[in-house]
Amino acid sequence: MEVVITALGPDHTGLADPIIHHLTGRGARIAEIQMYDHDERSLFAMLCRIEFDPAPANNGNVSLRNLQEEMRQIGEHTGLSIRVWSPNFRGQRPRLAVACTYVEDTPRAVLQAVTDGVINADVPVVISNRKKLASLADEFDSEFRMIGDGQGAADNERLVATLDEFEIDYLILARYMRVLPAEVCWQFAGGRIINLHHGLLPGFPGFRPYHDANNARMLTFGATCHFIIPELDAGNQTINQRTFSVAPGTPIEQIIAEGERDNEPKCLVEGVRRVVDQEVYLHFHRVVPRKKPA
């Protein structure tokens, strides 16, 4: 059994020790560990990926629920918010939250792919910082949660609470036009946040990749599906990329329309499918293929 544990909270000494000692005492093998001290904010963050032998887990000596309760108690003692998650826990159908803002084609494609069985998952909730796409949730029998104010600024505490409420495995940013703060990224680190960037990374990061590529006289445009880490559009977390070409002189409006309508949705759907089917995962901030059973 593979388990990902994240911890976030006020920084002081000895925060990692009780977590690590407890896990190794339970027979866990540590496959990955990362710790961060944000001195300017006195914030501590940790990611720990562990593995248990199948036999003890199957015998009931180790269960996800037990680990969650044990980590909750450690969190109370240390002042940390600790999350315990496993990609194996829900069997064949993980739970997705689709976050979006204005552009409909990309979140619709994910919801339709789930309905059609292309993505083997469930989408219990659609999240947005705007009301524009609320009808999309109704159409696909999902709850709609508005987390934005009148100007579209996102309430990230409400976002985290919604993900916890619906026991979400993966957050899918389907043209969600807000940058997640580091605190959210650390709490759902380890490959649980998947983003669609409407440009090719690492070449065209930022908020206007179509315009930037067009200004560079590019005739090939693309989209990138990648895992989110706190460094914006860092480029080493690519799950899938998809491109399309245009003729010289094609208006930028036409390029954007084609990208939003066709290229971006297909790029994100395939990227989410790869993660849900456990073909790839994030390890030390890099995407690696999972070894298939012999």
C-alpha atoms as a PDB file:
ATOM      1  CA  MET A   1       0.000   0.000   0.000  1.00  0.00           C
ATOM      2  CA  GLU A   2       1.315   3.429  -0.988  1.00  0.00           C
ATOM      3  CA  VAL A   3       0.469   6.372   1.276  1.00  0.00           C
ATOM      4  CA  VAL A   4       1.187  10.089   0.886  1.00  0.00           C
ATOM      5  CA  ILE A   5       1.340  12.200   4.049  1.00  0.00           C
ATOM      6  CA  THR A   6       1.507  15.988   4.006  1.00  0.00           C
ATOM      7  CA  ALA A   7       1.958  18.307   6.958  1.00  0.00           C
ATOM      8  CA  LEU A   8       1.658  22.083   7.156  1.00  0.00           C
ATOM      9  CA  GLY A   9       1.820  24.486  10.069  1.00  0.00           C
ATOM     10  CA  PRO A  10       3.752  27.026  12.131  1.00  0.00           C
ATOM     11  CA  ASP A  11       7.473  26.319  12.073  1.00  0.00           C
ATOM     12  CA  HIS A  12       9.373  25.212  15.145  1.00  0.00           C
ATOM     13  CA  THR A  13      11.839  22.458  15.993  1.00  0.00           C
ATOM     14  CA  GLY A  14      11.129  18.740  16.009  1.00  0.00           C
ATOM     15  CA  LEU A  15       8.034  18.751  13.803  1.00  0.00           C
ATOM     16  CA  ALA A  16       9.024  15.906  11.495  1.00  0.00           C
ATOM     17  CA  ASP A  17      10.418  13.544  14.145  1.00  0.00           C
ATOM     18  CA  PRO A  18       7.176  12.220  15.649  1.00  0.00           C
ATOM     19  CA  ILE A  19       5.695  11.622  12.183  1.00  0.00           C
ATOM     20  CA  ILE A  20       8.720   9.763  10.834  1.00  0.00           C
ATOM     21  CA  HIS A  21       9.295   7.747  14.023  1.00  0.00           C
ATOM     22  CA  HIS A  22       5.653   6.664  14.127  1.00  0.00           C
ATOM     23  CA  LEU A  23       5.593   5.601  10.480  1.00  0.00           C
ATOM     24  CA  THR A  24       8.820   3.619  10.619  1.00  0.00           C
ATOM     25  CA  GLY A  25       7.606   2.032  13.847  1.00  0.00           C
ATOM     26  CA  ARG A  26       4.545   0.841  11.935  1.00  0.00           C
ATOM     27  CA  GLY A  27       6.811  -0.847   9.384  1.00  0.00           C
ATOM     28  CA  ALA A  28       6.650   1.785   6.654  1.00  0.00           C
ATOM     29  CA  ARG A  29       9.382   2.183   4.044  1.00  0.00           C
ATOM     30  CA  ILE A  30      10.026   5.828   3.186  1.00  0.00           C
ATOM     31  CA  ALA A  31      10.134   6.245  -0.594  1.00  0.00           C
ATOM     32  CA  GLU A  32      10.208  10.042  -0.657  1.00  0.00           C
ATOM     33  CA  ILE A  33      10.490  12.831   1.863  1.00  0.00           C
ATOM     34  CA  GLN A  34      10.664  16.582   1.341  1.00  0.00           C
ATOM     35  CA  MET A  35      10.651  19.310   3.975  1.00  0.00           C
ATOM     36  CA  TYR A  36      10.430  23.078   3.590  1.00  0.00           C
ATOM     37  CA  ASP A  37      10.947  25.943   6.010  1.00  0.00           C
ATOM     38  CA  HIS A  38       9.500  29.248   4.816  1.00  0.00           C
ATOM     39  CA  ASP A  39      11.446  31.530   7.130  1.00  0.00           C
ATOM     40  CA  GLU A  40       9.746  34.750   6.080  1.00  0.00           C
ATOM     41  CA  ARG A  41       6.385  33.328   7.161  1.00  0.00           C
ATOM     42  CA  SER A  42       7.600  30.875   9.833  1.00  0.00           C
ATOM     43  CA  LEU A  43       5.834  28.092   7.953  1.00  0.00           C
ATOM     44  CA  PHE A  44       6.776  24.410   7.900  1.00  0.00           C
ATOM     45  CA  ALA A  45       5.695  22.010   5.150  1.00  0.00           C
ATOM     46  CA  MET A  46       6.469  18.343   4.619  1.00  0.00           C
ATOM     47  CA  LEU A  47       5.682  15.618   2.115  1.00  0.00           C
ATOM     48  CA  CYS A  48       6.317  11.963   2.926  1.00  0.00           C
ATOM     49  CA  ARG A  49       5.537   9.070   0.570  1.00  0.00           C
ATOM     50  CA  ILE A  50       5.639   5.700   2.281  1.00  0.00           C
ATOM     51  CA  GLU A  51       5.013   2.079   1.357  1.00  0.00           C
ATOM     52  CA  PHE A  52       3.747  -0.858   3.388  1.00  0.00           C
ATOM     53  CA  ASP A  53       4.190  -4.508   2.549  1.00  0.00           C
ATOM     54  CA  PRO A  54       0.892  -6.027   1.330  1.00  0.00           C
ATOM     55  CA  ALA A  55       0.771  -8.738   4.007  1.00  0.00           C
ATOM     56  CA  PRO A  56       0.585  -6.496   7.118  1.00  0.00           C
ATOM     57  CA  ALA A  57      -1.904  -4.207   5.409  1.00  0.00           C
ATOM     58  CA  ASN A  58      -4.113  -7.122   4.350  1.00  0.00           C
ATOM     59  CA  ASN A  59      -3.987  -8.573   7.853  1.00  0.00           C
ATOM     60  CA  GLY A  60      -5.421  -5.357   9.237  1.00  0.00           C
ATOM     61  CA  ASN A  61      -2.257  -4.294  11.027  1.00  0.00           C
ATOM     62  CA  VAL A  62      -2.154  -1.135   8.895  1.00  0.00           C
ATOM     63  CA  SER A  63      -5.183   0.690   7.514  1.00  0.00           C
ATOM     64  CA  LEU A  64      -5.631   4.125   6.030  1.00  0.00           C
ATOM     65  CA  ARG A  65      -8.274   5.043   8.594  1.00  0.00           C
ATOM     66  CA  ASN A  66      -5.985   4.066  11.450  1.00  0.00           C
ATOM     67  CA  LEU A  67      -3.137   6.104   9.977  1.00  0.00           C
ATOM     68  CA  GLN A  68      -5.416   9.094   9.551  1.00  0.00           C
ATOM     69  CA  GLU A  69      -6.451   8.943  13.197  1.00  0.00           C
ATOM     70  CA  GLU A  70      -2.882   8.451  14.373  1.00  0.00           C
ATOM     71  CA  MET A  71      -1.671  11.406  12.301  1.00  0.00           C
ATOM     72  CA  ARG A  72      -4.571  13.510  13.578  1.00  0.00           C
ATOM     73  CA  GLN A  73      -3.364  12.940  17.111  1.00  0.00           C
ATOM     74  CA  ILE A  74       0.200  13.844  16.154  1.00  0.00           C
ATOM     75  CA  GLY A  75      -1.147  16.953  14.423  1.00  0.00           C
ATOM     76  CA  GLU A  76      -2.905  18.047  17.595  1.00  0.00           C
ATOM     77  CA  HIS A  77       0.328  17.658  19.523  1.00  0.00           C
ATOM     78  CA  THR A  78       2.547  19.468  17.007  1.00  0.00           C
ATOM     79  CA  GLY A  79       0.100  22.085  15.709  1.00  0.00           C
ATOM     80  CA  LEU A  80       0.315  20.711  12.169  1.00  0.00           C
ATOM     81  CA  SER A  81      -2.463  20.114   9.654  1.00  0.00           C
ATOM     82  CA  ILE A  82      -1.680  16.546   8.535  1.00  0.00           C
ATOM     83  CA  ARG A  83      -3.364  14.758   5.639  1.00  0.00           C
ATOM     84  CA  VAL A  84      -3.085  11.042   4.903  1.00  0.00           C
ATOM     85  CA  TRP A  85      -4.008   9.851   1.407  1.00  0.00           C
ATOM     86  CA  SER A  86      -3.479   6.791  -0.741  1.00  0.00           C
ATOM     87  CA  PRO A  87      -3.943   6.376  -4.513  1.00  0.00           C
ATOM     88  CA  ASN A  88      -4.923   2.755  -3.835  1.00  0.00           C
ATOM     89  CA  PHE A  89      -7.610   3.398  -1.245  1.00  0.00           C
ATOM     90  CA  ARG A  90     -10.657   3.949  -3.466  1.00  0.00           C
ATOM     91  CA  GLY A  91      -9.989   1.060  -5.789  1.00  0.00           C
ATOM     92  CA  GLN A  92     -11.023   1.744  -9.352  1.00  0.00           C
ATOM     93  CA  ARG A  93     -12.874   5.050  -9.053  1.00  0.00           C
ATOM     94  CA  PRO A  94     -11.062   7.990  -7.479  1.00  0.00           C
ATOM     95  CA  ARG A  95     -12.996  11.181  -6.744  1.00  0.00           C
ATOM     96  CA  LEU A  96     -12.223  14.298  -8.762  1.00  0.00           C
ATOM     97  CA  ALA A  97     -13.054  17.952  -8.151  1.00  0.00           C
ATOM     98  CA  VAL A  98     -13.133  20.031 -11.346  1.00  0.00           C
ATOM     99  CA  ALA A  99     -12.232  23.702 -10.840  1.00  0.00           C
ATOM    100  CA  CYS A 100     -13.023  26.223 -13.567  1.00  0.00           C
ATOM    101  CA  THR A 101     -13.749  29.921 -14.149  1.00  0.00           C
ATOM    102  CA  TYR A 102     -14.995  31.149 -17.558  1.00  0.00           C
ATOM    103  CA  VAL A 103     -13.885  28.798 -20.355  1.00  0.00           C
ATOM    104  CA  GLU A 104     -16.387  25.947 -20.684  1.00  0.00           C
ATOM    105  CA  ASP A 105     -14.830  23.575 -23.236  1.00  0.00           C
ATOM    106  CA  THR A 106     -12.099  22.177 -21.007  1.00  0.00           C
ATOM    107  CA  PRO A 107     -14.106  21.369 -17.838  1.00  0.00           C
ATOM    108  CA  ARG A 108     -16.926  20.050 -20.025  1.00  0.00           C
ATOM    109  CA  ALA A 109     -14.504  17.685 -21.734  1.00  0.00           C
ATOM    110  CA  VAL A 110     -13.375  16.241 -18.402  1.00  0.00           C
ATOM    111  CA  LEU A 111     -16.949  15.791 -17.170  1.00  0.00           C
ATOM    112  CA  GLN A 112     -17.977  14.184 -20.455  1.00  0.00           C
ATOM    113  CA  ALA A 113     -14.958  11.868 -20.413  1.00  0.00           C
ATOM    114  CA  VAL A 114     -15.979  10.693 -16.931  1.00  0.00           C
ATOM    115  CA  THR A 115     -19.559  10.135 -18.134  1.00  0.00           C
ATOM    116  CA  ASP A 116     -18.319   8.192 -21.168  1.00  0.00           C
ATOM    117  CA  GLY A 117     -15.959   6.037 -19.113  1.00  0.00           C
ATOM    118  CA  VAL A 118     -12.792   7.413 -20.711  1.00  0.00           C
ATOM    119  CA  ILE A 119     -11.713   8.661 -17.289  1.00  0.00           C
ATOM    120  CA  ASN A 120     -12.547   5.990 -14.726  1.00  0.00           C
ATOM    121  CA  ALA A 121     -13.507   8.291 -11.856  1.00  0.00           C
ATOM    122  CA  ASP A 122     -16.360  10.246 -10.257  1.00  0.00           C
ATOM    123  CA  VAL A 123     -16.811  14.014 -10.106  1.00  0.00           C
ATOM    124  CA  PRO A 124     -18.950  14.835  -7.060  1.00  0.00           C
ATOM    125  CA  VAL A 125     -18.242  18.585  -7.166  1.00  0.00           C
ATOM    126  CA  VAL A 126     -17.453  21.414  -9.577  1.00  0.00           C
ATOM    127  CA  ILE A 127     -15.693  24.389  -7.963  1.00  0.00           C
ATOM    128  CA  SER A 128     -15.427  27.910  -9.334  1.00  0.00           C
ATOM    129  CA  ASN A 129     -14.553  31.452  -8.350  1.00  0.00           C
ATOM    130  CA  ARG A 130     -17.307  32.657 -10.710  1.00  0.00           C
ATOM    131  CA  LYS A 131     -20.944  31.658 -11.235  1.00  0.00           C
ATOM    132  CA  LYS A 132     -20.746  31.406 -15.027  1.00  0.00           C
ATOM    133  CA  LEU A 133     -20.364  27.622 -15.253  1.00  0.00           C
ATOM    134  CA  ALA A 134     -22.781  26.603 -12.487  1.00  0.00           C
ATOM    135  CA  SER A 135     -25.124  25.045 -15.059  1.00  0.00           C
ATOM    136  CA  LEU A 136     -22.316  22.697 -16.110  1.00  0.00           C
ATOM    137  CA  ALA A 137     -22.433  21.038 -12.705  1.00  0.00           C
ATOM    138  CA  ASP A 138     -26.200  20.612 -12.954  1.00  0.00           C
ATOM    139  CA  GLU A 139     -25.880  19.051 -16.400  1.00  0.00           C
ATOM    140  CA  PHE A 140     -23.505  16.374 -15.124  1.00  0.00           C
ATOM    141  CA  ASP A 141     -25.203  15.792 -11.745  1.00  0.00           C
ATOM    142  CA  SER A 142     -22.405  17.309  -9.668  1.00  0.00           C
ATOM    143  CA  GLU A 143     -22.603  19.738  -6.786  1.00  0.00           C
ATOM    144  CA  PHE A 144     -21.521  23.308  -7.556  1.00  0.00           C
ATOM    145  CA  ARG A 145     -19.488  25.218  -5.003  1.00  0.00           C
ATOM    146  CA  MET A 146     -18.825  28.923  -5.486  1.00  0.00           C
ATOM    147  CA  ILE A 147     -15.651  29.990  -3.669  1.00  0.00           C
ATOM    148  CA  GLY A 148     -15.204  33.481  -5.143  1.00  0.00           C
ATOM    149  CA  ASP A 149     -16.313  36.908  -4.023  1.00  0.00           C
ATOM    150  CA  GLY A 150     -17.959  39.522  -6.226  1.00  0.00           C
ATOM    151  CA  GLN A 151     -14.648  40.289  -7.944  1.00  0.00           C
ATOM    152  CA  GLY A 152     -13.691  36.647  -8.458  1.00  0.00           C
ATOM    153  CA  ALA A 153     -11.078  36.515  -5.697  1.00  0.00           C
ATOM    154  CA  ALA A 154     -10.961  32.952  -4.390  1.00  0.00           C
ATOM    155  CA  ASP A 155     -11.471  31.919  -0.775  1.00  0.00           C
ATOM    156  CA  ASN A 156      -8.773  29.268  -0.555  1.00  0.00           C
ATOM    157  CA  GLU A 157      -9.814  28.140   2.911  1.00  0.00           C
ATOM    158  CA  ARG A 158     -13.228  27.362   1.456  1.00  0.00           C
ATOM    159  CA  LEU A 159     -11.547  25.520  -1.417  1.00  0.00           C
ATOM    160  CA  VAL A 160      -9.627  23.293   1.007  1.00  0.00           C
ATOM    161  CA  ALA A 161     -12.750  22.712   3.110  1.00  0.00           C
ATOM    162  CA  THR A 162     -14.680  21.669  -0.011  1.00  0.00           C
ATOM    163  CA  LEU A 163     -11.991  19.195  -1.044  1.00  0.00           C
ATOM    164  CA  ASP A 164     -12.062  17.688   2.438  1.00  0.00           C
ATOM    165  CA  GLU A 165     -15.863  17.615   2.562  1.00  0.00           C
ATOM    166  CA  PHE A 166     -16.126  15.617  -0.662  1.00  0.00           C
ATOM    167  CA  GLU A 167     -13.058  13.461   0.144  1.00  0.00           C
ATOM    168  CA  ILE A 168     -11.415  14.446  -3.122  1.00  0.00           C
ATOM    169  CA  ASP A 169      -8.495  12.441  -4.451  1.00  0.00           C
ATOM    170  CA  TYR A 170      -7.466  14.754  -7.303  1.00  0.00           C
ATOM    171  CA  LEU A 171      -8.176  18.442  -7.916  1.00  0.00           C
ATOM    172  CA  ILE A 172      -8.402  19.166 -11.658  1.00  0.00           C
ATOM    173  CA  LEU A 173      -7.731  22.794 -12.630  1.00  0.00           C
ATOM    174  CA  ALA A 174      -9.623  22.990 -15.922  1.00  0.00           C
ATOM    175  CA  ARG A 175      -8.852  26.583 -16.924  1.00  0.00           C
ATOM    176  CA  TYR A 176      -9.280  27.732 -13.328  1.00  0.00           C
ATOM    177  CA  MET A 177      -7.916  31.234 -13.627  1.00  0.00           C
ATOM    178  CA  ARG A 178      -6.500  31.661 -10.155  1.00  0.00           C
ATOM    179  CA  VAL A 179      -3.055  30.785  -8.819  1.00  0.00           C
ATOM    180  CA  LEU A 180      -3.161  28.394  -5.876  1.00  0.00           C
ATOM    181  CA  PRO A 181      -1.111  29.614  -2.897  1.00  0.00           C
ATOM    182  CA  ALA A 182       1.713  27.463  -1.591  1.00  0.00           C
ATOM    183  CA  GLU A 183      -0.323  26.479   1.473  1.00  0.00           C
ATOM    184  CA  VAL A 184      -2.919  24.735  -0.712  1.00  0.00           C
ATOM    185  CA  CYS A 185      -0.268  23.107  -2.882  1.00  0.00           C
ATOM    186  CA  TRP A 186       1.561  21.615   0.121  1.00  0.00           C
ATOM    187  CA  GLN A 187      -1.606  20.235   1.689  1.00  0.00           C
ATOM    188  CA  PHE A 188      -2.420  18.321  -1.494  1.00  0.00           C
ATOM    189  CA  ALA A 189       1.155  17.684  -2.624  1.00  0.00           C
ATOM    190  CA  GLY A 190       2.449  14.462  -4.101  1.00  0.00           C
ATOM    191  CA  GLY A 191       0.590  14.620  -7.406  1.00  0.00           C
ATOM    192  CA  ARG A 192      -2.963  15.389  -6.290  1.00  0.00           C
ATOM    193  CA  ILE A 193      -3.405  18.675  -8.191  1.00  0.00           C
ATOM    194  CA  ILE A 194      -3.521  18.539 -12.006  1.00  0.00           C
ATOM    195  CA  ASN A 195      -3.521  21.702 -14.099  1.00  0.00           C
ATOM    196  CA  LEU A 196      -4.187  22.576 -17.737  1.00  0.00           C
ATOM    197  CA  HIS A 197      -1.859  25.340 -18.899  1.00  0.00           C
ATOM    198  CA  HIS A 198      -2.909  26.828 -22.236  1.00  0.00           C
ATOM    199  CA  GLY A 199       0.617  26.934 -23.628  1.00  0.00           C
ATOM    200  CA  LEU A 200       3.660  24.746 -24.101  1.00  0.00           C
ATOM    201  CA  LEU A 201       5.867  24.534 -21.016  1.00  0.00           C
ATOM    202  CA  PRO A 202       8.564  25.420 -20.252  1.00  0.00           C
ATOM    203  CA  GLY A 203       8.715  27.705 -23.289  1.00  0.00           C
ATOM    204  CA  PHE A 204       5.563  29.743 -22.759  1.00  0.00           C
ATOM    205  CA  PRO A 205       4.548  30.099 -19.108  1.00  0.00           C
ATOM    206  CA  GLY A 206       2.401  32.886 -17.702  1.00  0.00           C
ATOM    207  CA  PHE A 207      -1.108  34.122 -18.395  1.00  0.00           C
ATOM    208  CA  ARG A 208      -0.869  34.946 -22.152  1.00  0.00           C
ATOM    209  CA  PRO A 209       0.925  31.986 -23.770  1.00  0.00           C
ATOM    210  CA  TYR A 210      -1.011  32.203 -27.055  1.00  0.00           C
ATOM    211  CA  HIS A 211      -0.034  35.846 -27.460  1.00  0.00           C
ATOM    212  CA  ASP A 212       3.559  35.184 -26.399  1.00  0.00           C
ATOM    213  CA  ALA A 213       3.938  32.335 -28.905  1.00  0.00           C
ATOM    214  CA  ASN A 214       2.323  34.413 -31.636  1.00  0.00           C
ATOM    215  CA  ASN A 215       4.635  37.344 -30.908  1.00  0.00           C
ATOM    216  CA  ALA A 216       7.566  34.920 -31.222  1.00  0.00           C
ATOM    217  CA  ARG A 217       6.300  34.080 -34.748  1.00  0.00           C
ATOM    218  CA  MET A 218       5.432  30.528 -33.752  1.00  0.00           C
ATOM    219  CA  LEU A 219       3.175  28.532 -36.084  1.00  0.00           C
ATOM    220  CA  THR A 220       2.740  25.655 -33.656  1.00  0.00           C
ATOM    221  CA  PHE A 221       0.750  26.208 -30.470  1.00  0.00           C
ATOM    222  CA  GLY A 222      -0.029  23.839 -27.647  1.00  0.00           C
ATOM    223  CA  ALA A 223      -1.259  23.027 -24.180  1.00  0.00           C
ATOM    224  CA  THR A 224       0.374  21.317 -21.222  1.00  0.00           C
ATOM    225  CA  CYS A 225      -1.240  19.114 -18.586  1.00  0.00           C
ATOM    226  CA  HIS A 226       1.000  19.048 -15.533  1.00  0.00           C
ATOM    227  CA  PHE A 227       1.086  18.404 -11.827  1.00  0.00           C
ATOM    228  CA  ILE A 228       0.987  21.521  -9.681  1.00  0.00           C
ATOM    229  CA  ILE A 229       3.820  22.320  -7.300  1.00  0.00           C
ATOM    230  CA  PRO A 230       4.280  25.657  -5.500  1.00  0.00           C
ATOM    231  CA  GLU A 231       6.643  26.984  -8.197  1.00  0.00           C
ATOM    232  CA  LEU A 232       4.333  28.345 -10.922  1.00  0.00           C
ATOM    233  CA  ASP A 233       4.563  26.535 -14.304  1.00  0.00           C
ATOM    234  CA  ALA A 234       7.900  25.043 -13.260  1.00  0.00           C
ATOM    235  CA  GLY A 235       8.021  22.756 -16.296  1.00  0.00           C
ATOM    236  CA  ASN A 236       9.329  19.468 -14.876  1.00  0.00           C
ATOM    237  CA  GLN A 237       5.918  18.064 -14.007  1.00  0.00           C
ATOM    238  CA  THR A 238       4.492  17.479 -17.486  1.00  0.00           C
ATOM    239  CA  ILE A 239       1.931  14.689 -17.785  1.00  0.00           C
ATOM    240  CA  ASN A 240       0.800  15.355 -21.357  1.00  0.00           C
ATOM    241  CA  GLN A 241       1.277  17.914 -24.111  1.00  0.00           C
ATOM    242  CA  ARG A 242      -0.690  18.451 -27.310  1.00  0.00           C
ATOM    243  CA  THR A 243      -0.050  20.795 -30.222  1.00  0.00           C
ATOM    244  CA  PHE A 244      -1.699  22.165 -33.347  1.00  0.00           C
ATOM    245  CA  SER A 245      -0.299  24.133 -36.275  1.00  0.00           C
ATOM    246  CA  VAL A 246      -1.677  27.146 -38.130  1.00  0.00           C
ATOM    247  CA  ALA A 247      -0.905  28.873 -41.403  1.00  0.00           C
ATOM    248  CA  PRO A 248       1.166  32.078 -41.443  1.00  0.00           C
ATOM    249  CA  GLY A 249      -0.973  35.108 -40.794  1.00  0.00           C
ATOM    250  CA  THR A 250      -3.705  33.273 -38.860  1.00  0.00           C
ATOM    251  CA  PRO A 251      -5.409  35.814 -36.572  1.00  0.00           C
ATOM    252  CA  ILE A 252      -4.685  35.388 -32.873  1.00  0.00           C
ATOM    253  CA  GLU A 253      -8.424  35.196 -32.132  1.00  0.00           C
ATOM    254  CA  GLN A 254      -8.728  32.187 -34.429  1.00  0.00           C
ATOM    255  CA  ILE A 255      -5.703  30.530 -32.843  1.00  0.00           C
ATOM    256  CA  ILE A 256      -7.106  30.960 -29.339  1.00  0.00           C
ATOM    257  CA  ALA A 257     -10.533  29.693 -30.392  1.00  0.00           C
ATOM    258  CA  GLU A 258      -9.078  26.531 -31.909  1.00  0.00           C
ATOM    259  CA  GLY A 259      -6.911  25.924 -28.880  1.00  0.00           C
ATOM    260  CA  GLU A 260      -9.738  26.363 -26.384  1.00  0.00           C
ATOM    261  CA  ARG A 261     -12.282  24.390 -28.413  1.00  0.00           C
ATOM    262  CA  ASP A 262     -10.223  21.356 -29.399  1.00  0.00           C
ATOM    263  CA  ASN A 263      -6.593  21.181 -28.285  1.00  0.00           C
ATOM    264  CA  GLU A 264      -6.833  22.099 -24.597  1.00  0.00           C
ATOM    265  CA  PRO A 265      -9.740  19.747 -23.765  1.00  0.00           C
ATOM    266  CA  LYS A 266      -8.069  16.754 -25.422  1.00  0.00           C
ATOM    267  CA  CYS A 267      -4.762  17.507 -23.707  1.00  0.00           C
ATOM    268  CA  LEU A 268      -6.305  17.650 -20.230  1.00  0.00           C
ATOM    269  CA  VAL A 269      -8.532  14.597 -20.667  1.00  0.00           C
ATOM    270  CA  GLU A 270      -5.594  12.416 -21.669  1.00  0.00           C
ATOM    271  CA  GLY A 271      -3.451  13.772 -18.855  1.00  0.00           C
ATOM    272  CA  VAL A 272      -6.120  13.095 -16.218  1.00  0.00           C
ATOM    273  CA  ARG A 273      -6.683   9.613 -17.643  1.00  0.00           C
ATOM    274  CA  ARG A 274      -2.985   8.804 -17.286  1.00  0.00           C
ATOM    275  CA  VAL A 275      -3.021   9.808 -13.625  1.00  0.00           C
ATOM    276  CA  VAL A 276      -6.320   8.107 -12.782  1.00  0.00           C
ATOM    277  CA  ASP A 277      -5.166   4.903 -14.476  1.00  0.00           C
ATOM    278  CA  GLN A 278      -1.926   5.177 -12.441  1.00  0.00           C
ATOM    279  CA  GLU A 279       0.320   5.208 -15.488  1.00  0.00           C
ATOM    280  CA  VAL A 280       2.375   8.064 -14.014  1.00  0.00           C
ATOM    281  CA  TYR A 281       2.926   9.741 -10.661  1.00  0.00           C
ATOM    282  CA  LEU A 282       4.920  12.602  -9.172  1.00  0.00           C
ATOM    283  CA  HIS A 283       8.154  11.659  -7.397  1.00  0.00           C
ATOM    284  CA  PHE A 284      10.492  14.347  -6.036  1.00  0.00           C
ATOM    285  CA  HIS A 285       8.672  16.886  -8.246  1.00  0.00           C
ATOM    286  CA  ARG A 286       9.243  14.877 -11.425  1.00  0.00           C
ATOM    287  CA  VAL A 287       6.785  12.792 -13.395  1.00  0.00           C
ATOM    288  CA  VAL A 288       7.805   9.148 -13.613  1.00  0.00           C
ATOM    289  CA  PRO A 289       6.013   6.117 -15.077  1.00  0.00           C
ATOM    290  CA  ARG A 290       4.765   3.485 -12.704  1.00  0.00           C
ATOM    291  CA  LYS A 291       6.303   0.072 -13.066  1.00  0.00           C
ATOM    292  CA  LYS A 292       3.778  -2.364 -14.461  1.00  0.00           C
ATOM    293  CA  PRO A 293       3.435  -5.735 -12.704  1.00  0.00           C
ATOM    294  CA  ALA A 294       5.501  -8.447 -14.357  1.00  0.00           C
END
